[in-house]
Protein backbone atom coordinates (compact mmCIF):
# COMPACT_ATOMS: atom_id res chain seq x y z
CA MET A 1 29.10 -4.01 -28.55
CA SER A 2 32.31 -4.38 -26.57
CA THR A 3 32.64 -6.99 -23.87
CA GLN A 4 32.71 -4.12 -21.35
CA ALA A 5 29.25 -2.82 -22.29
CA PHE A 6 27.26 -5.36 -20.29
CA GLU A 7 25.22 -4.59 -17.17
CA ARG A 8 25.25 -7.85 -15.21
CA THR A 9 22.17 -7.05 -13.11
CA ARG A 10 20.09 -6.77 -16.26
CA LEU A 11 20.81 -10.39 -17.15
CA ARG A 12 19.22 -11.51 -13.91
CA THR A 13 16.27 -9.19 -14.53
CA ALA A 14 15.76 -10.51 -18.08
CA ARG A 15 16.01 -14.09 -16.84
CA GLU A 16 13.43 -13.48 -14.12
CA LEU A 17 11.13 -11.73 -16.59
CA ALA A 18 11.26 -14.96 -18.61
CA GLY A 19 10.65 -17.04 -15.48
CA LEU A 20 13.82 -19.09 -15.97
CA THR A 21 16.37 -20.44 -13.55
CA GLN A 22 20.05 -20.15 -14.35
CA THR A 23 20.09 -23.83 -15.31
CA GLN A 24 17.12 -23.43 -17.64
CA LEU A 25 18.65 -20.38 -19.30
CA ALA A 26 21.93 -22.23 -19.77
CA ARG A 27 20.14 -25.11 -21.45
CA LYS A 28 18.15 -22.85 -23.79
CA SER A 29 21.18 -20.78 -24.76
CA GLY A 30 23.69 -23.62 -25.15
CA LEU A 31 25.85 -22.33 -22.29
CA THR A 32 26.81 -23.77 -18.94
CA SER A 33 25.11 -22.90 -15.65
CA ALA A 34 28.52 -21.81 -14.38
CA ALA A 35 28.82 -19.32 -17.24
CA ILE A 36 25.40 -17.81 -16.52
CA SER A 37 26.28 -17.54 -12.84
CA GLN A 38 29.57 -15.79 -13.66
CA PHE A 39 27.84 -13.34 -15.99
CA GLU A 40 25.28 -12.43 -13.33
CA SER A 41 27.87 -12.07 -10.57
CA GLY A 42 30.23 -10.00 -12.71
CA ALA A 43 33.03 -12.57 -12.50
CA ALA A 44 32.98 -12.80 -16.32
CA ARG A 45 31.44 -10.89 -19.21
CA PRO A 46 29.82 -12.47 -22.24
CA SER A 47 31.21 -11.86 -25.70
CA PRO A 48 29.09 -9.80 -28.10
CA ASP A 49 27.94 -13.00 -29.81
CA THR A 50 26.99 -14.59 -26.50
CA SER A 51 25.13 -11.43 -25.46
CA GLY A 52 23.18 -11.65 -28.70
CA VAL A 53 22.25 -15.26 -27.99
CA LEU A 54 21.09 -14.36 -24.47
CA ALA A 55 19.02 -11.46 -25.83
CA ARG A 56 17.27 -13.71 -28.35
CA VAL A 57 16.55 -16.44 -25.80
CA LEU A 58 15.24 -13.95 -23.23
CA ALA A 59 13.26 -11.90 -25.79
CA VAL A 60 14.89 -8.58 -24.93
CA PRO A 61 16.59 -6.11 -27.27
CA PRO A 62 20.41 -6.42 -27.16
CA GLU A 63 20.45 -2.82 -25.91
CA PHE A 64 18.71 -3.96 -22.73
CA PHE A 65 22.03 -5.28 -21.42
CA ARG A 66 23.83 -1.98 -22.06
CA GLU A 67 21.72 0.30 -19.86
CA ALA A 68 22.81 1.13 -16.32
CA MET A 69 20.47 -0.27 -13.71
CA VAL A 70 19.49 1.01 -10.27
CA GLU A 71 19.23 -1.76 -7.70
CA SER A 72 16.78 -2.07 -4.82
CA HIS A 73 15.92 -4.68 -2.24
CA GLU A 74 13.60 -7.63 -2.82
CA GLY A 75 10.46 -5.52 -2.42
CA PHE A 76 7.62 -5.13 0.06
CA PHE A 77 5.53 -8.23 -0.54
CA ARG A 78 2.70 -8.96 1.86
CA SER A 79 1.99 -12.65 1.23
CA LEU A 80 5.44 -14.20 1.29
CA ARG A 81 4.15 -17.63 2.27
CA ARG A 82 1.43 -17.63 -0.38
CA THR A 83 3.55 -16.19 -3.18
CA SER A 84 6.06 -18.45 -4.93
CA VAL A 85 9.64 -17.24 -5.19
CA SER A 86 9.53 -17.34 -9.01
CA ASP A 87 6.32 -15.27 -9.16
CA ARG A 88 7.73 -12.77 -6.68
CA ARG A 89 10.97 -12.42 -8.63
CA ARG A 90 9.16 -11.99 -11.93
CA ALA A 91 6.91 -9.35 -10.40
CA ARG A 92 9.96 -7.54 -9.05
CA ALA A 93 11.62 -7.68 -12.48
CA ILE A 94 8.50 -6.16 -14.05
CA ALA A 95 8.67 -3.36 -11.47
CA HIS A 96 12.24 -2.69 -12.62
CA VAL A 97 10.95 -2.21 -16.17
CA ALA A 98 8.32 0.19 -14.80
CA HIS A 99 11.13 2.09 -13.08
CA ASP A 100 13.07 2.29 -16.34
CA LEU A 101 9.98 3.79 -17.96
CA ALA A 102 9.55 6.29 -15.14
CA VAL A 103 13.17 7.42 -15.40
CA HIS A 104 12.84 8.09 -19.12
CA ALA A 105 9.40 9.65 -18.63
CA SER A 106 10.90 12.00 -16.05
CA SER A 107 13.61 13.13 -18.45
CA ALA A 108 10.82 14.00 -20.89
CA GLN A 109 8.93 15.94 -18.18
CA TRP A 110 6.14 13.39 -17.73
CA PHE A 111 7.04 12.86 -14.06
CA ARG A 112 8.12 15.35 -11.45
CA THR A 113 10.98 14.65 -9.06
CA CYS A 114 9.89 12.35 -6.27
CA ASP A 115 9.12 14.16 -3.03
CA VAL A 116 7.83 11.28 -0.91
CA PRO A 117 9.20 12.15 2.55
CA MET A 118 11.41 9.63 4.29
CA LEU A 119 10.25 9.53 7.89
CA PRO A 120 11.73 6.29 9.27
CA VAL A 121 9.85 4.57 12.02
CA SER A 122 11.64 4.25 15.37
CA GLY A 123 11.74 0.45 15.12
CA LEU A 124 9.74 -2.72 14.61
CA GLN A 125 7.98 -2.15 17.93
CA ALA A 126 6.92 1.43 17.17
CA GLN A 127 3.61 2.34 18.75
CA ARG A 128 0.49 3.06 16.70
CA ALA A 129 0.48 6.68 17.90
CA GLU A 130 3.84 7.24 16.21
CA ILE A 131 2.57 5.71 12.95
CA GLU A 132 -0.61 7.81 13.07
CA GLY A 133 1.43 10.94 13.69
CA THR A 134 3.63 10.19 10.70
CA ALA A 135 0.60 9.74 8.44
CA ALA A 136 -0.70 13.12 9.61
CA ARG A 137 2.69 14.69 8.86
CA VAL A 138 2.67 13.39 5.30
CA ARG A 139 -0.83 14.74 4.72
CA ALA A 140 0.27 18.13 6.07
CA MET A 141 3.49 18.17 4.02
CA TRP A 142 1.48 17.46 0.88
CA GLY A 143 -1.11 20.11 1.72
CA LEU A 144 -4.05 17.70 1.83
CA PRO A 145 -7.30 19.09 3.19
CA ALA A 146 -9.25 17.41 5.96
CA GLY A 147 -11.51 14.54 4.97
CA PRO A 148 -11.34 11.87 2.28
CA ILE A 149 -8.61 11.84 -0.36
CA ALA A 150 -10.16 12.18 -3.80
CA ASP A 151 -7.70 10.03 -5.77
CA VAL A 152 -4.93 8.14 -3.96
CA VAL A 153 -3.29 6.79 -7.12
CA GLY A 154 -3.28 10.23 -8.72
CA LEU A 155 -1.81 11.68 -5.52
CA LEU A 156 1.11 9.24 -5.61
CA GLU A 157 1.77 9.96 -9.28
CA THR A 158 1.69 13.70 -8.61
CA HIS A 159 4.49 13.22 -6.08
CA GLY A 160 6.77 11.26 -8.40
CA VAL A 161 5.74 7.66 -7.70
CA ALA A 162 5.41 5.35 -10.70
CA VAL A 163 2.16 3.43 -10.27
CA THR A 164 1.18 0.52 -12.50
CA ARG A 165 -0.85 -2.65 -12.41
CA LEU A 166 0.69 -6.10 -12.40
CA PRO A 167 0.29 -7.99 -15.69
CA LEU A 168 0.86 -11.44 -14.20
CA GLY A 169 -2.63 -12.88 -14.10
CA ASN A 170 -1.70 -14.35 -10.72
CA THR A 171 -3.88 -13.29 -7.80
CA ASP A 172 -1.33 -14.71 -5.32
CA VAL A 173 0.90 -11.69 -5.99
CA ASP A 174 -0.63 -8.79 -4.09
CA ALA A 175 0.26 -5.13 -4.37
CA PHE A 176 3.91 -4.38 -3.62
CA SER A 177 6.49 -1.62 -3.96
CA LEU A 178 10.19 -0.98 -4.61
CA PRO A 179 11.70 2.11 -2.91
CA PHE A 180 13.86 3.59 -5.67
CA SER A 181 15.01 7.00 -4.49
CA ASP A 182 14.29 8.80 -7.78
CA HIS A 183 10.97 7.22 -8.69
CA PRO A 184 9.60 4.61 -6.28
CA VAL A 185 7.43 2.00 -7.97
CA VAL A 186 4.05 0.90 -6.62
CA VAL A 187 2.55 -2.11 -8.35
CA LEU A 188 -1.13 -2.71 -7.69
CA GLY A 189 -2.62 -6.19 -7.68
CA THR A 190 -4.69 -7.90 -10.29
CA ASP A 191 -8.04 -7.45 -8.51
CA LYS A 192 -9.37 -4.56 -10.62
CA ASN A 193 -12.96 -4.59 -9.35
CA ASP A 194 -12.52 -3.27 -5.82
CA ARG A 195 -11.99 0.48 -5.56
CA ALA A 196 -11.75 0.45 -1.77
CA ARG A 197 -9.11 -2.27 -1.76
CA SER A 198 -7.08 -0.54 -4.46
CA ARG A 199 -7.08 2.74 -2.51
CA PHE A 200 -6.00 0.99 0.68
CA ASP A 201 -3.30 -0.93 -1.18
CA SER A 202 -1.94 2.34 -2.59
CA ALA A 203 -1.81 3.92 0.87
CA HIS A 204 -0.24 0.76 2.30
CA GLU A 205 2.59 0.88 -0.23
CA LEU A 206 3.08 4.60 0.40
CA ALA A 207 3.57 3.67 4.05
CA HIS A 208 6.48 1.40 3.15
CA LEU A 209 8.13 4.16 1.14
CA VAL A 210 7.73 6.66 3.97
CA LEU A 211 8.42 4.46 7.00
CA HIS A 212 10.73 1.73 5.78
CA GLY A 213 12.42 2.57 2.47
CA GLU A 214 15.61 0.56 2.00
CA GLN A 215 15.96 -0.10 5.73
CA ILE A 216 13.67 -2.99 6.67
CA TRP A 217 11.43 -5.35 4.73
CA GLY A 218 10.16 -8.89 4.63
CA VAL A 219 8.94 -9.13 8.23
CA LYS A 220 5.43 -9.16 9.64
CA GLU A 221 5.90 -6.03 11.73
CA VAL A 222 6.45 -3.75 8.71
CA GLU A 223 3.18 -4.97 7.20
CA THR A 224 1.31 -4.21 10.43
CA GLN A 225 2.82 -0.72 10.49
CA ALA A 226 1.88 -0.14 6.84
CA HIS A 227 -1.72 -1.12 7.60
CA GLN A 228 -1.81 1.32 10.51
CA PHE A 229 -0.38 4.11 8.37
CA ALA A 230 -2.83 3.44 5.52
CA ALA A 231 -5.82 3.57 7.85
CA ALA A 232 -4.64 6.84 9.40
CA PHE A 233 -3.72 8.36 6.03
CA LEU A 234 -7.11 7.56 4.49
CA MET A 235 -9.18 8.13 7.64
CA PRO A 236 -7.49 10.68 9.95
CA ALA A 237 -8.63 10.23 13.52
CA GLU A 238 -9.59 13.86 14.04
CA ASP A 239 -11.75 13.84 10.90
CA ILE A 240 -13.56 10.53 11.20
CA ARG A 241 -13.71 9.60 14.89
CA ASP A 242 -16.98 11.33 15.69
CA GLN A 243 -18.59 10.03 12.48
CA LEU A 244 -18.00 6.37 13.33
CA PRO A 245 -20.92 4.55 14.99
CA THR A 246 -20.56 3.03 18.44
CA LYS A 247 -22.84 0.13 17.54
CA VAL A 248 -23.47 -1.99 14.45
CA ASP A 249 -25.35 0.51 12.31
CA TRP A 250 -25.15 -0.74 8.72
CA PRO A 251 -26.90 2.24 7.04
CA ALA A 252 -24.47 4.60 8.78
CA LEU A 253 -21.52 2.44 7.77
CA PHE A 254 -22.75 2.24 4.16
CA ALA A 255 -22.92 6.04 4.06
CA LEU A 256 -19.40 6.33 5.48
CA LYS A 257 -18.14 3.82 2.92
CA ARG A 258 -19.43 6.04 0.11
CA GLN A 259 -18.07 9.20 1.72
CA TRP A 260 -14.57 7.94 2.57
CA GLN A 261 -14.21 5.44 -0.31
CA VAL A 262 -12.95 2.69 1.96
CA SER A 263 -14.25 -0.79 2.77
CA LEU A 264 -16.68 -1.70 5.53
CA ALA A 265 -13.92 -3.86 7.00
CA ALA A 266 -11.59 -0.85 7.18
CA LEU A 267 -14.29 1.30 8.79
CA LEU A 268 -15.06 -1.33 11.40
CA MET A 269 -11.37 -1.74 12.23
CA ARG A 270 -10.99 2.05 12.45
CA ALA A 271 -13.97 2.25 14.81
CA ARG A 272 -12.36 -0.39 16.99
CA THR A 273 -8.89 1.19 16.85
CA LEU A 274 -10.17 4.65 17.77
CA GLY A 275 -12.23 3.30 20.65
CA ARG A 276 -15.62 4.03 19.13
CA MET A 277 -16.56 0.34 19.13
CA SER A 278 -15.84 -2.09 21.91
CA GLU A 279 -14.07 -5.34 21.10
CA ASN A 280 -17.32 -7.28 21.52
CA THR A 281 -19.26 -4.93 19.23
CA TYR A 282 -16.53 -5.13 16.61
CA LEU A 283 -16.47 -8.92 16.71
CA SER A 284 -20.26 -9.03 16.45
CA ALA A 285 -20.10 -6.83 13.35
CA ILE A 286 -17.42 -9.00 11.75
CA LYS A 287 -19.45 -12.16 12.41
CA ALA A 288 -22.59 -10.57 10.99
CA ALA A 289 -20.73 -9.42 7.86
CA SER A 290 -19.23 -12.87 7.41
CA ALA A 291 -22.62 -14.55 7.75
CA ARG A 292 -23.94 -12.33 4.95
CA GLY A 293 -21.00 -13.16 2.68
CA TRP A 294 -19.69 -9.61 2.93
CA ARG A 295 -16.14 -10.71 3.77
CA ARG A 296 -15.84 -11.85 0.14
CA THR A 297 -18.00 -9.27 -1.63
CA GLU A 298 -19.15 -6.19 0.24
CA PRO A 299 -22.40 -4.34 -0.45
CA VAL A 300 -22.35 -0.76 -1.71
CA PRO A 301 -19.93 -1.05 -4.63
CA LEU A 302 -17.86 2.08 -5.17
CA GLY A 303 -17.30 1.76 -8.89
CA PRO A 304 -14.09 1.06 -10.80
CA PRO A 305 -10.78 1.47 -9.02
CA GLU A 306 -8.52 4.44 -9.48
CA GLN A 307 -6.23 3.98 -12.46
CA PRO A 308 -2.65 5.13 -13.00
CA THR A 309 -2.33 7.58 -15.87
CA ARG A 310 1.21 8.99 -16.02
CA LEU A 311 3.00 5.94 -17.47
CA LEU A 312 0.06 5.30 -19.80
CA ALA A 313 0.24 8.83 -21.17
CA TYR A 314 4.00 8.58 -21.58
CA LEU A 315 3.75 5.26 -23.43
CA ALA A 316 1.17 6.76 -25.77
CA SER A 317 3.52 9.61 -26.65
CA ALA A 318 6.40 9.83 -29.12
CA ASP A 319 8.67 10.57 -26.16
CA SER A 320 8.58 6.88 -25.20
CA SER A 321 10.48 5.76 -28.31
CA ARG A 322 13.85 5.90 -26.54
CA ALA A 323 12.70 3.66 -23.70
CA ARG A 324 10.89 1.29 -26.05
CA ALA A 325 14.11 0.82 -28.03
CA PHE A 326 15.86 -1.02 -25.20
CA LEU A 327 13.06 -2.46 -23.08
CA PRO A 328 11.41 -5.84 -23.77
CA PRO A 329 8.40 -4.99 -25.95
CA GLN A 330 6.12 -7.70 -24.58
CA ILE A 331 6.65 -6.51 -21.00
CA VAL A 332 6.09 -2.86 -21.91
CA GLU A 333 2.91 -3.78 -23.74
CA SER A 334 1.68 -5.94 -20.86
CA LEU A 335 2.22 -3.05 -18.43
CA HIS A 336 0.29 -0.77 -20.77
CA THR A 337 -2.56 -3.25 -21.17
CA ALA A 338 -2.84 -4.15 -17.49
CA SER A 339 -2.93 -0.50 -16.37
CA ALA A 340 -5.38 0.56 -19.09
CA ALA A 341 -7.87 -2.26 -18.39
C-alpha cells in the first residue's frame, strides 16, 4: 500500500469503534498522540508499516483504511445529556459501517436508490400545522393508503434507508440517524420488546431525514419537530381524529392501540393535540396510567417489534464478500446479530 492510499477519516472511525482516545491509541500502537492527530487531520500520512500496526491494534482489515468514506454530521441523538460522548461516537462509527454495507448492497441490487424527500422545515419555530402537512405530503408521495402503516421499518427499507439495530448493549443510546444522501442510516435502540416504541422511533428518525437532513441537529427544537412528524405520520389527523375518545376510555384506547400499533401514551398525546381531550382529561389519564405502572410497561402488548431485513439478507448472501473483505468482522457480525435477534 502506498502512503497515498490512506483515508484519514477511517482512522477516526476505527478508533471510535474501538472506544479509544487518540492518546490511548498512541500508547497501544507505540506512536505519539501528535502522530495520531496528524494522521486523522490529514497533516501527515502513515507509512505502510504504520498503517499495518494501526489496523492490528484497531482490529480492522488493512483495506479498511483504503476505502473512500462519505462524511456526515454528528447524528440525530435524542438524549445528549444522558449519552456519553464516547458511546455516542462509537454508535455513530457503527452507523458508518452500516452505511458502507448499504452502499455495497445497493451496487448488488439489494437496495434501491434512496427516495426520501427532502422537505426542509421553515425554521426551529415552525408551527405544528406545517409539520403535520409535511408528514401528509410524505405519505402521499409514497402512495400510502389511509389508516395505519403496516410495517414502518419495511417502508423505510423499501425507500432506500438502511435500518439496523444497535449492538452496543447500552440502553442510554436511543435510536438515531445519519442523513447520508445515498442511503441514510437509521439505527434503532436496544429495547427490542416494544413494537409501538420501535415504530415511533422509526418514524421519528424519518422525520429528521425529511425535515432536517444535514442542516440542523443537536438542539431540542428538532427533536420536538420529529415527535410531531412521527405522530402525524403514524396517526394522520383526518384518519384518527374521530376515533379518539374525548374522555378516559381504556377499552377504546386499548382497541385503538391494537389497530394503529402505537402506544397508549402516543394515543393520549394525539387526542390532546387534536383537541379531542381537554388538558385536564389528558393529565388525568396520564396520572391514572402512571398509578397503574403503565408508564413503564403498558398493557396490551403488540408482539415483537418490526425487524430490518435488507441488510440481513445481503449479509447472508455471497454478494457481501466484497464488503466483508474490508470491514471490521466483529462489527459486521454484531450488526447482523443485533438485527436478527
